[in-house]
N, C-alpha and C. Protein backbone atom coordinates (compact mmCIF):
# COMPACT_ATOMS: atom_id res chain seq x y z
N MET A 1 -13.65 -4.39 8.72
CA MET A 1 -12.50 -5.06 8.21
C MET A 1 -11.67 -3.79 8.76
N ARG A 2 -10.49 -3.84 9.43
CA ARG A 2 -9.70 -3.12 9.98
C ARG A 2 -8.50 -2.81 8.92
N VAL A 3 -8.39 -1.96 8.97
CA VAL A 3 -6.94 -1.16 7.47
C VAL A 3 -5.75 -0.75 8.27
N VAL A 4 -4.64 -0.95 8.35
CA VAL A 4 -3.71 0.46 8.38
C VAL A 4 -3.87 1.40 7.06
N VAL A 5 -3.28 2.09 7.11
CA VAL A 5 -3.74 3.82 6.22
C VAL A 5 -2.42 4.38 6.88
N HIS A 6 -1.45 4.91 5.11
CA HIS A 6 -0.58 5.72 5.55
C HIS A 6 -1.54 6.56 5.21
N GLU A 7 -0.99 7.88 6.25
CA GLU A 7 -1.80 9.24 6.35
C GLU A 7 -0.34 10.20 4.98
N GLU A 8 0.28 10.22 5.49
CA GLU A 8 1.58 10.65 4.89
C GLU A 8 2.89 9.61 4.16
N PRO A 9 1.90 9.44 2.69
CA PRO A 9 3.20 8.41 2.11
C PRO A 9 4.41 9.12 1.70
N VAL A 10 5.29 8.71 1.79
CA VAL A 10 6.69 9.29 1.33
C VAL A 10 6.80 10.19 -0.50
N GLY A 11 5.18 9.69 -0.91
CA GLY A 11 5.57 9.68 -2.62
C GLY A 11 4.21 9.78 -2.57
N ARG A 12 3.56 10.27 -1.84
CA ARG A 12 2.39 11.02 -2.43
C ARG A 12 1.65 11.50 -3.74
N GLY A 13 2.71 12.48 -3.77
CA GLY A 13 2.22 13.74 -5.56
C GLY A 13 2.47 12.77 -6.58
N GLU A 14 2.89 11.49 -6.31
CA GLU A 14 3.61 10.84 -7.52
C GLU A 14 2.58 9.48 -7.68
N THR A 15 2.02 9.26 -6.81
CA THR A 15 0.84 8.20 -6.76
C THR A 15 -0.39 8.41 -7.33
N ASN A 16 -1.02 7.25 -8.22
CA ASN A 16 -2.24 7.03 -8.91
C ASN A 16 -3.12 6.19 -8.81
N TRP A 17 -2.51 5.58 -7.50
CA TRP A 17 -3.40 4.17 -6.96
C TRP A 17 -3.53 3.51 -5.80
N ILE A 18 -4.48 3.22 -4.96
CA ILE A 18 -4.10 2.54 -3.70
C ILE A 18 -4.91 1.14 -4.17
N ALA A 19 -3.82 0.42 -3.46
CA ALA A 19 -3.98 -0.98 -3.32
C ALA A 19 -4.55 -1.63 -1.49
N ARG A 20 -5.09 -2.69 -1.48
CA ARG A 20 -5.28 -3.06 -0.07
C ARG A 20 -4.33 -4.14 -0.36
N ILE A 21 -3.59 -4.70 1.15
CA ILE A 21 -2.69 -5.71 0.92
C ILE A 21 -3.39 -6.76 2.16
N ALA A 22 -3.99 -8.08 2.27
CA ALA A 22 -3.72 -8.27 2.72
C ALA A 22 -3.33 -9.08 3.90
N LEU A 23 -3.10 -8.90 5.55
CA LEU A 23 -1.76 -8.80 6.53
C LEU A 23 -2.45 -10.89 7.11
N GLU A 24 -3.64 -11.06 6.88
CA GLU A 24 -3.34 -12.63 7.24
C GLU A 24 -2.73 -13.64 7.29
N PRO A 25 -1.65 -13.48 5.96
CA PRO A 25 -0.16 -14.64 6.04
C PRO A 25 0.43 -13.59 6.90
N PHE A 26 0.78 -12.86 7.30
CA PHE A 26 2.03 -11.99 8.03
C PHE A 26 1.83 -11.98 9.22
N GLY A 27 0.54 -12.71 9.69
CA GLY A 27 0.20 -13.12 11.49
C GLY A 27 -0.69 -12.16 11.83
N PHE A 28 -1.62 -11.09 11.12
CA PHE A 28 -2.44 -10.03 11.48
C PHE A 28 -3.49 -10.48 10.82
N GLU A 29 -4.76 -11.49 11.74
CA GLU A 29 -5.53 -11.89 10.88
C GLU A 29 -7.25 -10.94 11.14
N GLY A 30 -7.40 -10.50 10.13
CA GLY A 30 -8.34 -9.30 9.92
C GLY A 30 -7.72 -7.77 9.73
N LEU A 31 -6.92 -7.88 9.07
CA LEU A 31 -5.93 -6.80 9.41
C LEU A 31 -5.80 -6.06 7.33
N TRP A 32 -6.00 -5.38 7.10
CA TRP A 32 -5.10 -5.15 5.82
C TRP A 32 -4.12 -3.60 5.33
N GLU A 33 -3.76 -3.70 4.67
CA GLU A 33 -2.63 -2.36 4.64
C GLU A 33 -2.90 -1.49 3.37
N GLN A 34 -3.24 -0.92 3.52
CA GLN A 34 -3.45 0.45 2.58
C GLN A 34 -1.96 1.14 1.89
N VAL A 35 -1.72 0.76 0.45
CA VAL A 35 -1.03 1.24 0.07
C VAL A 35 -0.86 2.14 -0.98
N TRP A 36 0.03 2.97 -1.83
CA TRP A 36 -0.42 4.05 -2.87
C TRP A 36 1.10 3.60 -3.39
N LEU A 37 0.77 3.16 -4.73
CA LEU A 37 1.24 3.18 -5.94
C LEU A 37 1.15 4.21 -7.25
N ARG A 38 2.15 4.19 -8.11
CA ARG A 38 2.14 4.61 -9.32
C ARG A 38 2.74 3.53 -10.68
N ARG A 39 1.87 3.90 -11.74
CA ARG A 39 2.26 2.72 -13.10
C ARG A 39 3.50 3.39 -12.91
N THR A 40 4.08 2.46 -13.67
CA THR A 40 5.16 2.73 -14.47
C THR A 40 5.10 2.03 -15.67
N ARG A 41 6.37 2.28 -16.63
CA ARG A 41 6.01 1.60 -18.26
C ARG A 41 5.56 0.52 -17.92
N ASP A 42 5.33 -0.32 -18.87
CA ASP A 42 4.95 -1.42 -18.98
C ASP A 42 3.86 -1.91 -18.11
N ASP A 43 2.83 -1.68 -17.61
CA ASP A 43 2.21 -1.68 -16.94
C ASP A 43 2.61 -2.35 -15.55
N LEU A 44 3.59 -1.69 -15.07
CA LEU A 44 4.27 -2.06 -13.18
C LEU A 44 3.97 -1.31 -12.71
N ALA A 45 3.89 -1.71 -11.12
CA ALA A 45 3.41 -0.31 -10.58
C ALA A 45 4.30 -0.56 -9.37
N GLU A 46 4.88 0.87 -8.94
CA GLU A 46 6.03 1.09 -8.48
C GLU A 46 5.62 1.60 -7.00
N LEU A 47 6.02 1.50 -5.71
CA LEU A 47 5.65 1.56 -4.16
C LEU A 47 5.71 3.23 -3.82
N CYS A 48 4.62 3.69 -3.26
CA CYS A 48 5.18 5.04 -3.16
C CYS A 48 4.80 5.57 -1.85
N CYS A 49 5.12 4.13 -0.74
CA CYS A 49 4.99 4.60 0.33
C CYS A 49 6.32 2.87 1.31
N ILE A 50 6.31 3.42 2.48
CA ILE A 50 6.89 2.63 2.97
C ILE A 50 6.10 1.50 4.30
N PRO A 51 5.83 0.30 3.31
CA PRO A 51 4.60 -0.28 4.20
C PRO A 51 5.10 -0.33 5.87
N LEU A 52 3.76 -0.59 6.47
CA LEU A 52 4.13 -0.51 8.07
C LEU A 52 4.61 -1.47 8.44
N ARG A 53 3.28 -2.55 7.82
CA ARG A 53 3.33 -4.34 8.43
C ARG A 53 3.61 -5.38 7.28
N ALA A 54 3.03 -4.87 6.41
CA ALA A 54 3.77 -5.65 5.02
C ALA A 54 4.80 -5.80 4.50
């Protein structure tokens, strides 16, 4: 598995979750992107980085 990783996400200090997005539907076979998230109210999540490929 190859993973695109965000070394310095914009909102890193606010993050508390990491998720992986499969990039195959976007034309990148076998590639995943790791994104940083933080929990908001009502069990929603906010993206804390600028996606590179997704």
